[in-house]
Amino acid sequence: GSTNYRDSVKGRFTTSRDTAKNTVYLEMNRLKPED
């Protein structure tokens, strides 16, 4: 029910999970060299 992000990735990264697969994901969009 809770997610948090560092300021520099807010709006670009999203973390989610699939409990059936026992897996957590980090979707990273609009990537920058500093990532």
Full PDB file with SEQRES, HELIX, SHEET, SSBOND, CRYST1, ORIGX, SCALE, CONECT and MASTER records, all heavy atoms in Angstrom:
SEQRES   1 A   35  GLY SER THR ASN TYR ARG ASP SER VAL LYS GLY ARG PHE          
SEQRES   2 A   35  THR THR SER ARG ASP THR ALA LYS ASN THR VAL TYR LEU          
SEQRES   3 A   35  GLU MET ASN ARG LEU LYS PRO GLU ASP                          
HELIX    1 AA1 ASP A    7  VAL A    9  5                                   3    
SHEET    1 AA1 2 PHE A  13  ASP A  18  0                                        
SHEET    2 AA1 2 THR A  23  MET A  28 -1                                        
CRYST1    1.000    1.000    1.000  90.00  90.00  90.00 P 1           1          
ORIGX1      1.000000  0.000000  0.000000        0.00000                         
ORIGX2      0.000000  1.000000  0.000000        0.00000                         
ORIGX3      0.000000  0.000000  1.000000        0.00000                         
SCALE1      1.000000  0.000000  0.000000        0.00000                         
SCALE2      0.000000  1.000000  0.000000        0.00000                         
SCALE3      0.000000  0.000000  1.000000        0.00000                         
ATOM      1  N   GLY A   1       0.782  -1.229   0.000  1.00  0.00           N  
ATOM      2  CA  GLY A   1       0.000   0.000   0.000  1.00  0.00           C  
ATOM      3  C   GLY A   1       0.809   1.272   0.000  1.00  0.00           C  
ATOM      4  O   GLY A   1       0.259   2.368  -0.098  1.00  0.00           O  
ATOM      5  N   SER A   2       2.116   1.140   0.123  1.00  0.00           N  
ATOM      6  CA  SER A   2       2.974   2.316   0.182  1.00  0.00           C  
ATOM      7  C   SER A   2       4.166   2.150  -0.751  1.00  0.00           C  
ATOM      8  O   SER A   2       4.787   1.089  -0.779  1.00  0.00           O  
ATOM      9  CB  SER A   2       3.475   2.507   1.619  1.00  0.00           C  
ATOM     10  OG  SER A   2       4.548   3.429   1.681  1.00  0.00           O  
ATOM     11  N   THR A   3       4.453   3.214  -1.497  1.00  0.00           N  
ATOM     12  CA  THR A   3       5.682   3.278  -2.268  1.00  0.00           C  
ATOM     13  C   THR A   3       6.336   4.633  -2.010  1.00  0.00           C  
ATOM     14  O   THR A   3       5.651   5.606  -1.682  1.00  0.00           O  
ATOM     15  CB  THR A   3       5.437   3.118  -3.780  1.00  0.00           C  
ATOM     16  OG1 THR A   3       4.494   4.111  -4.219  1.00  0.00           O  
ATOM     17  CG2 THR A   3       4.900   1.735  -4.113  1.00  0.00           C  
ATOM     18  N   ASN A   4       7.633   4.678  -2.157  1.00  0.00           N  
ATOM     19  CA  ASN A   4       8.363   5.924  -2.009  1.00  0.00           C  
ATOM     20  C   ASN A   4       9.505   5.964  -3.005  1.00  0.00           C  
ATOM     21  O   ASN A   4      10.021   4.911  -3.412  1.00  0.00           O  
ATOM     22  CB  ASN A   4       8.912   6.081  -0.585  1.00  0.00           C  
ATOM     23  CG  ASN A   4       7.978   6.863   0.308  1.00  0.00           C  
ATOM     24  OD1 ASN A   4       7.441   7.891  -0.094  1.00  0.00           O  
ATOM     25  ND2 ASN A   4       7.761   6.373   1.519  1.00  0.00           N  
ATOM     26  N   TYR A   5       9.926   7.188  -3.359  1.00  0.00           N  
ATOM     27  CA  TYR A   5      10.969   7.354  -4.360  1.00  0.00           C  
ATOM     28  C   TYR A   5      11.883   8.499  -3.959  1.00  0.00           C  
ATOM     29  O   TYR A   5      11.450   9.474  -3.339  1.00  0.00           O  
ATOM     30  CB  TYR A   5      10.348   7.673  -5.724  1.00  0.00           C  
ATOM     31  CG  TYR A   5       9.362   6.627  -6.200  1.00  0.00           C  
ATOM     32  CD1 TYR A   5       8.012   6.699  -5.869  1.00  0.00           C  
ATOM     33  CD2 TYR A   5       9.793   5.557  -6.985  1.00  0.00           C  
ATOM     34  CE1 TYR A   5       7.118   5.733  -6.286  1.00  0.00           C  
ATOM     35  CE2 TYR A   5       8.900   4.585  -7.413  1.00  0.00           C  
ATOM     36  CZ  TYR A   5       7.565   4.676  -7.057  1.00  0.00           C  
ATOM     37  OH  TYR A   5       6.677   3.717  -7.476  1.00  0.00           O  
ATOM     38  N   ARG A   6      13.132   8.404  -4.377  1.00  0.00           N  
ATOM     39  CA  ARG A   6      13.998   9.565  -4.190  1.00  0.00           C  
ATOM     40  C   ARG A   6      13.552  10.640  -5.169  1.00  0.00           C  
ATOM     41  O   ARG A   6      12.998  10.342  -6.239  1.00  0.00           O  
ATOM     42  CB  ARG A   6      15.468   9.193  -4.386  1.00  0.00           C  
ATOM     43  CG  ARG A   6      15.888   8.870  -5.786  1.00  0.00           C  
ATOM     44  CD  ARG A   6      17.385   8.527  -5.843  1.00  0.00           C  
ATOM     45  NE  ARG A   6      18.228   9.642  -5.468  1.00  0.00           N  
ATOM     46  CZ  ARG A   6      18.902   9.730  -4.316  1.00  0.00           C  
ATOM     47  NH1 ARG A   6      18.834   8.750  -3.435  1.00  0.00           N  
ATOM     48  NH2 ARG A   6      19.655  10.769  -4.049  1.00  0.00           N  
ATOM     49  N   ASP A   7      13.815  11.881  -4.818  1.00  0.00           N  
ATOM     50  CA  ASP A   7      13.278  12.995  -5.600  1.00  0.00           C  
ATOM     51  C   ASP A   7      13.708  12.946  -7.065  1.00  0.00           C  
ATOM     52  O   ASP A   7      12.920  13.264  -7.964  1.00  0.00           O  
ATOM     53  CB  ASP A   7      13.710  14.323  -4.979  1.00  0.00           C  
ATOM     54  CG  ASP A   7      12.958  14.640  -3.697  1.00  0.00           C  
ATOM     55  OD1 ASP A   7      11.924  13.986  -3.430  1.00  0.00           O  
ATOM     56  OD2 ASP A   7      13.401  15.534  -2.965  1.00  0.00           O  
ATOM     57  N   SER A   8      14.926  12.542  -7.321  1.00  0.00           N  
ATOM     58  CA  SER A   8      15.461  12.606  -8.689  1.00  0.00           C  
ATOM     59  C   SER A   8      14.816  11.590  -9.638  1.00  0.00           C  
ATOM     60  O   SER A   8      15.011  11.692 -10.852  1.00  0.00           O  
ATOM     61  CB  SER A   8      16.975  12.410  -8.676  1.00  0.00           C  
ATOM     62  OG  SER A   8      17.315  11.122  -8.182  1.00  0.00           O  
ATOM     63  N   VAL A   9      14.073  10.625  -9.099  1.00  0.00           N  
ATOM     64  CA  VAL A   9      13.443   9.630  -9.976  1.00  0.00           C  
ATOM     65  C   VAL A   9      11.920   9.720  -9.949  1.00  0.00           C  
ATOM     66  O   VAL A   9      11.250   9.001 -10.694  1.00  0.00           O  
ATOM     67  CB  VAL A   9      13.885   8.189  -9.636  1.00  0.00           C  
ATOM     68  CG1 VAL A   9      15.412   8.094  -9.594  1.00  0.00           C  
ATOM     69  CG2 VAL A   9      13.277   7.690  -8.331  1.00  0.00           C  
ATOM     70  N   LYS A  10      11.379  10.574  -9.110  1.00  0.00           N  
ATOM     71  CA  LYS A  10       9.916  10.698  -9.033  1.00  0.00           C  
ATOM     72  C   LYS A  10       9.345  11.108 -10.394  1.00  0.00           C  
ATOM     73  O   LYS A  10       9.866  11.993 -11.061  1.00  0.00           O  
ATOM     74  CB  LYS A  10       9.536  11.733  -7.970  1.00  0.00           C  
ATOM     75  CG  LYS A  10       9.678  11.238  -6.556  1.00  0.00           C  
ATOM     76  CD  LYS A  10       9.274  12.308  -5.545  1.00  0.00           C  
ATOM     77  CE  LYS A  10       9.434  11.802  -4.122  1.00  0.00           C  
ATOM     78  NZ  LYS A  10       9.111  12.846  -3.119  1.00  0.00           N  
ATOM     79  N   GLY A  11       8.278  10.432 -10.776  1.00  0.00           N  
ATOM     80  CA  GLY A  11       7.662  10.710 -12.062  1.00  0.00           C  
ATOM     81  C   GLY A  11       8.294   9.947 -13.213  1.00  0.00           C  
ATOM     82  O   GLY A  11       7.736   9.924 -14.319  1.00  0.00           O  
ATOM     83  N   ARG A  12       9.462   9.325 -12.968  1.00  0.00           N  
ATOM     84  CA  ARG A  12      10.126   8.552 -14.025  1.00  0.00           C  
ATOM     85  C   ARG A  12      10.188   7.059 -13.684  1.00  0.00           C  
ATOM     86  O   ARG A  12      10.117   6.213 -14.569  1.00  0.00           O  
ATOM     87  CB  ARG A  12      11.547   9.063 -14.241  1.00  0.00           C  
ATOM     88  CG  ARG A  12      11.629  10.513 -14.674  1.00  0.00           C  
ATOM     89  CD  ARG A  12      13.051  10.879 -15.090  1.00  0.00           C  
ATOM     90  NE  ARG A  12      14.017  10.761 -13.992  1.00  0.00           N  
ATOM     91  CZ  ARG A  12      15.102   9.990 -14.038  1.00  0.00           C  
ATOM     92  NH1 ARG A  12      15.371   9.270 -15.121  1.00  0.00           N  
ATOM     93  NH2 ARG A  12      15.941   9.951 -12.998  1.00  0.00           N  
ATOM     94  N   PHE A  13      10.366   6.739 -12.413  1.00  0.00           N  
ATOM     95  CA  PHE A  13      10.492   5.346 -11.970  1.00  0.00           C  
ATOM     96  C   PHE A  13       9.221   4.933 -11.229  1.00  0.00           C  
ATOM     97  O   PHE A  13       8.610   5.733 -10.515  1.00  0.00           O  
ATOM     98  CB  PHE A  13      11.671   5.171 -11.022  1.00  0.00           C  
ATOM     99  CG  PHE A  13      13.029   5.306 -11.651  1.00  0.00           C  
ATOM    100  CD1 PHE A  13      13.211   5.806 -12.929  1.00  0.00           C  
ATOM    101  CD2 PHE A  13      14.165   4.915 -10.939  1.00  0.00           C  
ATOM    102  CE1 PHE A  13      14.469   5.921 -13.498  1.00  0.00           C  
ATOM    103  CE2 PHE A  13      15.426   5.020 -11.480  1.00  0.00           C  
ATOM    104  CZ  PHE A  13      15.574   5.534 -12.763  1.00  0.00           C  
ATOM    105  N   THR A  14       8.861   3.663 -11.374  1.00  0.00           N  
ATOM    106  CA  THR A  14       7.724   3.103 -10.664  1.00  0.00           C  
ATOM    107  C   THR A  14       8.090   1.702 -10.176  1.00  0.00           C  
ATOM    108  O   THR A  14       8.572   0.876 -10.965  1.00  0.00           O  
ATOM    109  CB  THR A  14       6.479   2.999 -11.567  1.00  0.00           C  
ATOM    110  OG1 THR A  14       6.157   4.295 -12.081  1.00  0.00           O  
ATOM    111  CG2 THR A  14       5.291   2.464 -10.779  1.00  0.00           C  
ATOM    112  N   THR A  15       7.851   1.449  -8.898  1.00  0.00           N  
ATOM    113  CA  THR A  15       8.054   0.105  -8.381  1.00  0.00           C  
ATOM    114  C   THR A  15       6.708  -0.558  -8.132  1.00  0.00           C  
ATOM    115  O   THR A  15       5.757   0.102  -7.710  1.00  0.00           O  
ATOM    116  CB  THR A  15       8.921   0.111  -7.105  1.00  0.00           C  
ATOM    117  OG1 THR A  15       9.264  -1.234  -6.750  1.00  0.00           O  
ATOM    118  CG2 THR A  15       8.223   0.792  -5.941  1.00  0.00           C  
ATOM    119  N   SER A  16       6.638  -1.835  -8.436  1.00  0.00           N  
ATOM    120  CA  SER A  16       5.403  -2.592  -8.273  1.00  0.00           C  
ATOM    121  C   SER A  16       5.777  -4.035  -7.975  1.00  0.00           C  
ATOM    122  O   SER A  16       6.963  -4.389  -7.965  1.00  0.00           O  
ATOM    123  CB  SER A  16       4.557  -2.499  -9.545  1.00  0.00           C  
ATOM    124  OG  SER A  16       5.245  -3.074 -10.644  1.00  0.00           O  
ATOM    125  N   ARG A  17       4.774  -4.857  -7.761  1.00  0.00           N  
ATOM    126  CA  ARG A  17       5.084  -6.258  -7.481  1.00  0.00           C  
ATOM    127  C   ARG A  17       3.985  -7.161  -8.006  1.00  0.00           C  
ATOM    128  O   ARG A  17       2.852  -6.736  -8.229  1.00  0.00           O  
ATOM    129  CB  ARG A  17       5.275  -6.475  -5.983  1.00  0.00           C  
ATOM    130  CG  ARG A  17       3.990  -6.379  -5.173  1.00  0.00           C  
ATOM    131  CD  ARG A  17       4.244  -6.493  -3.694  1.00  0.00           C  
ATOM    132  NE  ARG A  17       2.995  -6.588  -2.949  1.00  0.00           N  
ATOM    133  CZ  ARG A  17       2.919  -6.594  -1.629  1.00  0.00           C  
ATOM    134  NH1 ARG A  17       4.024  -6.486  -0.898  1.00  0.00           N  
ATOM    135  NH2 ARG A  17       1.745  -6.695  -1.036  1.00  0.00           N  
ATOM    136  N   ASP A  18       4.371  -8.406  -8.201  1.00  0.00           N  
ATOM    137  CA  ASP A  18       3.444  -9.473  -8.566  1.00  0.00           C  
ATOM    138  C   ASP A  18       3.645 -10.573  -7.518  1.00  0.00           C  
ATOM    139  O   ASP A  18       4.638 -11.308  -7.578  1.00  0.00           O  
ATOM    140  CB  ASP A  18       3.763  -9.978  -9.977  1.00  0.00           C  
ATOM    141  CG  ASP A  18       2.777 -11.028 -10.466  1.00  0.00           C  
ATOM    142  OD1 ASP A  18       2.162 -11.715  -9.630  1.00  0.00           O  
ATOM    143  OD2 ASP A  18       2.637 -11.182 -11.685  1.00  0.00           O  
ATOM    144  N   THR A  19       2.734 -10.655  -6.574  1.00  0.00           N  
ATOM    145  CA  THR A  19       2.909 -11.619  -5.485  1.00  0.00           C  
ATOM    146  C   THR A  19       2.815 -13.064  -5.978  1.00  0.00           C  
ATOM    147  O   THR A  19       3.447 -13.950  -5.408  1.00  0.00           O  
ATOM    148  CB  THR A  19       1.890 -11.382  -4.360  1.00  0.00           C  
ATOM    149  OG1 THR A  19       0.574 -11.393  -4.913  1.00  0.00           O  
ATOM    150  CG2 THR A  19       2.147 -10.046  -3.680  1.00  0.00           C  
ATOM    151  N   ALA A  20       2.059 -13.286  -7.047  1.00  0.00           N  
ATOM    152  CA  ALA A  20       1.959 -14.637  -7.605  1.00  0.00           C  
ATOM    153  C   ALA A  20       3.310 -15.108  -8.141  1.00  0.00           C  
ATOM    154  O   ALA A  20       3.625 -16.299  -8.106  1.00  0.00           O  
ATOM    155  CB  ALA A  20       0.911 -14.684  -8.703  1.00  0.00           C  
ATOM    156  N   LYS A  21       4.097 -14.162  -8.637  1.00  0.00           N  
ATOM    157  CA  LYS A  21       5.432 -14.491  -9.158  1.00  0.00           C  
ATOM    158  C   LYS A  21       6.520 -14.235  -8.123  1.00  0.00           C  
ATOM    159  O   LYS A  21       7.703 -14.447  -8.410  1.00  0.00           O  
ATOM    160  CB  LYS A  21       5.713 -13.681 -10.417  1.00  0.00           C  
ATOM    161  CG  LYS A  21       4.782 -14.023 -11.575  1.00  0.00           C  
ATOM    162  CD  LYS A  21       5.136 -13.227 -12.819  1.00  0.00           C  
ATOM    163  CE  LYS A  21       4.220 -13.618 -13.983  1.00  0.00           C  
ATOM    164  NZ  LYS A  21       4.534 -12.843 -15.207  1.00  0.00           N  
ATOM    165  N   ASN A  22       6.099 -13.717  -6.953  1.00  0.00           N  
ATOM    166  CA  ASN A  22       7.056 -13.382  -5.892  1.00  0.00           C  
ATOM    167  C   ASN A  22       8.175 -12.479  -6.411  1.00  0.00           C  
ATOM    168  O   ASN A  22       9.352 -12.674  -6.091  1.00  0.00           O  
ATOM    169  CB  ASN A  22       7.641 -14.654  -5.257  1.00  0.00           C  
ATOM    170  CG  ASN A  22       7.948 -14.487  -3.788  1.00  0.00           C  
ATOM    171  OD1 ASN A  22       7.328 -13.684  -3.094  1.00  0.00           O  
ATOM    172  ND2 ASN A  22       8.916 -15.245  -3.301  1.00  0.00           N  
ATOM    173  N   THR A  23       7.777 -11.497  -7.186  1.00  0.00           N  
ATOM    174  CA  THR A  23       8.721 -10.629  -7.885  1.00  0.00           C  
ATOM    175  C   THR A  23       8.326  -9.168  -7.707  1.00  0.00           C  
ATOM    176  O   THR A  23       7.140  -8.828  -7.741  1.00  0.00           O  
ATOM    177  CB  THR A  23       8.765 -10.974  -9.379  1.00  0.00           C  
ATOM    178  OG1 THR A  23       9.189 -12.333  -9.535  1.00  0.00           O  
ATOM    179  CG2 THR A  23       9.731 -10.064 -10.127  1.00  0.00           C  
ATOM    180  N   VAL A  24       9.328  -8.332  -7.527  1.00  0.00           N  
ATOM    181  CA  VAL A  24       9.148  -6.881  -7.473  1.00  0.00           C  
ATOM    182  C   VAL A  24       9.831  -6.287  -8.694  1.00  0.00           C  
ATOM    183  O   VAL A  24      10.898  -6.764  -9.118  1.00  0.00           O  
ATOM    184  CB  VAL A  24       9.726  -6.305  -6.170  1.00  0.00           C  
ATOM    185  CG1 VAL A  24       9.674  -4.789  -6.174  1.00  0.00           C  
ATOM    186  CG2 VAL A  24       8.959  -6.861  -4.969  1.00  0.00           C  
ATOM    187  N   TYR A  25       9.238  -5.247  -9.235  1.00  0.00           N  
ATOM    188  CA  TYR A  25       9.742  -4.622 -10.457  1.00  0.00           C  
ATOM    189  C   TYR A  25      10.116  -3.163 -10.212  1.00  0.00           C  
ATOM    190  O   TYR A  25       9.560  -2.490  -9.338  1.00  0.00           O  
ATOM    191  CB  TYR A  25       8.679  -4.677 -11.555  1.00  0.00           C  
ATOM    192  CG  TYR A  25       8.210  -6.070 -11.869  1.00  0.00           C  
ATOM    193  CD1 TYR A  25       7.017  -6.553 -11.344  1.00  0.00           C  
ATOM    194  CD2 TYR A  25       8.960  -6.910 -12.687  1.00  0.00           C  
ATOM    195  CE1 TYR A  25       6.577  -7.841 -11.623  1.00  0.00           C  
ATOM    196  CE2 TYR A  25       8.538  -8.194 -12.964  1.00  0.00           C  
ATOM    197  CZ  TYR A  25       7.339  -8.657 -12.432  1.00  0.00           C  
ATOM    198  OH  TYR A  25       6.923  -9.933 -12.709  1.00  0.00           O  
ATOM    199  N   LEU A  26      11.045  -2.676 -11.006  1.00  0.00           N  
ATOM    200  CA  LEU A  26      11.358  -1.254 -11.052  1.00  0.00           C  
ATOM    201  C   LEU A  26      11.310  -0.841 -12.516  1.00  0.00           C  
ATOM    202  O   LEU A  26      12.199  -1.189 -13.292  1.00  0.00           O  
ATOM    203  CB  LEU A  26      12.735  -0.955 -10.449  1.00  0.00           C  
ATOM    204  CG  LEU A  26      13.098   0.534 -10.379  1.00  0.00           C  
ATOM    205  CD1 LEU A  26      12.177   1.262  -9.387  1.00  0.00           C  
ATOM    206  CD2 LEU A  26      14.560   0.728  -9.970  1.00  0.00           C  
ATOM    207  N   GLU A  27      10.253  -0.147 -12.852  1.00  0.00           N  
ATOM    208  CA  GLU A  27      10.088   0.364 -14.215  1.00  0.00           C  
ATOM    209  C   GLU A  27      10.762   1.726 -14.276  1.00  0.00           C  
ATOM    210  O   GLU A  27      10.433   2.625 -13.496  1.00  0.00           O  
ATOM    211  CB  GLU A  27       8.598   0.499 -14.532  1.00  0.00           C  
ATOM    212  CG  GLU A  27       8.301   0.940 -15.953  1.00  0.00           C  
ATOM    213  CD  GLU A  27       8.456  -0.179 -16.967  1.00  0.00           C  
ATOM    214  OE1 GLU A  27       8.183  -1.342 -16.607  1.00  0.00           O  
ATOM    215  OE2 GLU A  27       8.855   0.112 -18.111  1.00  0.00           O  
ATOM    216  N   MET A  28      11.718   1.865 -15.181  1.00  0.00           N  
ATOM    217  CA  MET A  28      12.499   3.102 -15.287  1.00  0.00           C  
ATOM    218  C   MET A  28      12.283   3.710 -16.656  1.00  0.00           C  
ATOM    219  O   MET A  28      12.606   3.085 -17.681  1.00  0.00           O  
ATOM    220  CB  MET A  28      13.986   2.803 -15.061  1.00  0.00           C  
ATOM    221  CG  MET A  28      14.262   2.082 -13.746  1.00  0.00           C  
ATOM    222  SD  MET A  28      16.023   1.857 -13.415  1.00  0.00           S  
ATOM    223  CE  MET A  28      16.443   0.745 -14.740  1.00  0.00           C  
ATOM    224  N   ASN A  29      11.734   4.898 -16.691  1.00  0.00           N  
ATOM    225  CA  ASN A  29      11.458   5.600 -17.943  1.00  0.00           C  
ATOM    226  C   ASN A  29      12.245   6.900 -17.997  1.00  0.00           C  
ATOM    227  O   ASN A  29      12.708   7.403 -16.974  1.00  0.00           O  
ATOM    228  CB  ASN A  29       9.964   5.884 -18.055  1.00  0.00           C  
ATOM    229  CG  ASN A  29       9.125   4.612 -18.074  1.00  0.00           C  
ATOM    230  OD1 ASN A  29       9.413   3.687 -18.829  1.00  0.00           O  
ATOM    231  ND2 ASN A  29       8.090   4.566 -17.246  1.00  0.00           N  
ATOM    232  N   ARG A  30      12.362   7.436 -19.191  1.00  0.00           N  
ATOM    233  CA  ARG A  30      13.087   8.701 -19.414  1.00  0.00           C  
ATOM    234  C   ARG A  30      14.439   8.671 -18.704  1.00  0.00           C  
ATOM    235  O   ARG A  30      14.790   9.589 -17.957  1.00  0.00           O  
ATOM    236  CB  ARG A  30      12.225   9.873 -18.960  1.00  0.00           C  
ATOM    237  CG  ARG A  30      11.012  10.090 -19.852  1.00  0.00           C  
ATOM    238  CD  ARG A  30      10.235  11.318 -19.435  1.00  0.00           C  
ATOM    239  NE  ARG A  30       9.367  11.060 -18.292  1.00  0.00           N  
ATOM    240  CZ  ARG A  30       9.241  11.861 -17.239  1.00  0.00           C  
ATOM    241  NH1 ARG A  30       9.945  12.962 -17.156  1.00  0.00           N  
ATOM    242  NH2 ARG A  30       8.419  11.552 -16.267  1.00  0.00           N  
ATOM    243  N   LEU A  31      15.164   7.635 -18.956  1.00  0.00           N  
ATOM    244  CA  LEU A  31      16.447   7.447 -18.280  1.00  0.00           C  
ATOM    245  C   LEU A  31      17.458   8.509 -18.683  1.00  0.00           C  
ATOM    246  O   LEU A  31      17.461   8.999 -19.825  1.00  0.00           O  
ATOM    247  CB  LEU A  31      16.995   6.051 -18.573  1.00  0.00           C  
ATOM    248  CG  LEU A  31      16.319   4.938 -17.760  1.00  0.00           C  
ATOM    249  CD1 LEU A  31      16.533   3.587 -18.417  1.00  0.00           C  
ATOM    250  CD2 LEU A  31      16.853   4.929 -16.336  1.00  0.00           C  
ATOM    251  N   LYS A  32      18.303   8.847 -17.726  1.00  0.00           N  
ATOM    252  CA  LYS A  32      19.325   9.868 -17.903  1.00  0.00           C  
ATOM    253  C   LYS A  32      20.697   9.243 -17.657  1.00  0.00           C  
ATOM    254  O   LYS A  32      20.811   8.250 -16.925  1.00  0.00           O  
ATOM    255  CB  LYS A  32      19.102  11.003 -16.904  1.00  0.00           C  
ATOM    256  CG  LYS A  32      17.723  11.640 -16.965  1.00  0.00           C  
ATOM    257  CD  LYS A  32      17.557  12.681 -15.869  1.00  0.00           C  
ATOM    258  CE  LYS A  32      16.170  13.310 -15.917  1.00  0.00           C  
ATOM    259  NZ  LYS A  32      16.001  14.326 -14.840  1.00  0.00           N  
ATOM    260  N   PRO A  33      21.744   9.830 -18.195  1.00  0.00           N  
ATOM    261  CA  PRO A  33      23.086   9.300 -17.934  1.00  0.00           C  
ATOM    262  C   PRO A  33      23.396   9.199 -16.442  1.00  0.00           C  
ATOM    263  O   PRO A  33      24.100   8.267 -16.028  1.00  0.00           O  
ATOM    264  CB  PRO A  33      23.999  10.312 -18.631  1.00  0.00           C  
ATOM    265  CG  PRO A  33      23.158  10.834 -19.757  1.00  0.00           C  
ATOM    266  CD  PRO A  33      21.761  10.906 -19.199  1.00  0.00           C  
ATOM    267  N   GLU A  34      22.869  10.099 -15.657  1.00  0.00           N  
ATOM    268  CA  GLU A  34      23.134  10.066 -14.209  1.00  0.00           C  
ATOM    269  C   GLU A  34      22.416   8.917 -13.500  1.00  0.00           C  
ATOM    270  O   GLU A  34      22.630   8.697 -12.296  1.00  0.00           O  
ATOM    271  CB  GLU A  34      22.773  11.398 -13.551  1.00  0.00           C  
ATOM    272  CG  GLU A  34      21.395  11.905 -13.866  1.00  0.00           C  
ATOM    273  CD  GLU A  34      21.389  12.921 -14.991  1.00  0.00           C  
ATOM    274  OE1 GLU A  34      22.091  12.697 -16.023  1.00  0.00           O  
ATOM    275  OE2 GLU A  34      20.664  13.932 -14.863  1.00  0.00           O  
ATOM    276  N   ASP A  35      21.571   8.177 -14.207  1.00  0.00           N  
ATOM    277  CA  ASP A  35      20.956   6.986 -13.639  1.00  0.00           C  
ATOM    278  C   ASP A  35      21.871   5.764 -13.759  1.00  0.00           C  
ATOM    279  O   ASP A  35      21.549   4.696 -13.232  1.00  0.00           O  
ATOM    280  CB  ASP A  35      19.624   6.667 -14.329  1.00  0.00           C  
ATOM    281  CG  ASP A  35      18.573   7.729 -14.090  1.00  0.00           C  
ATOM    282  OD1 ASP A  35      18.458   8.218 -12.948  1.00  0.00           O  
ATOM    283  OD2 ASP A  35      17.856   8.074 -15.060  1.00  0.00           O  
TER     284      ASP A  35                                                      
MASTER        0    0    0    1    2    0    0    6  283    1    0    3          
END                                                                             
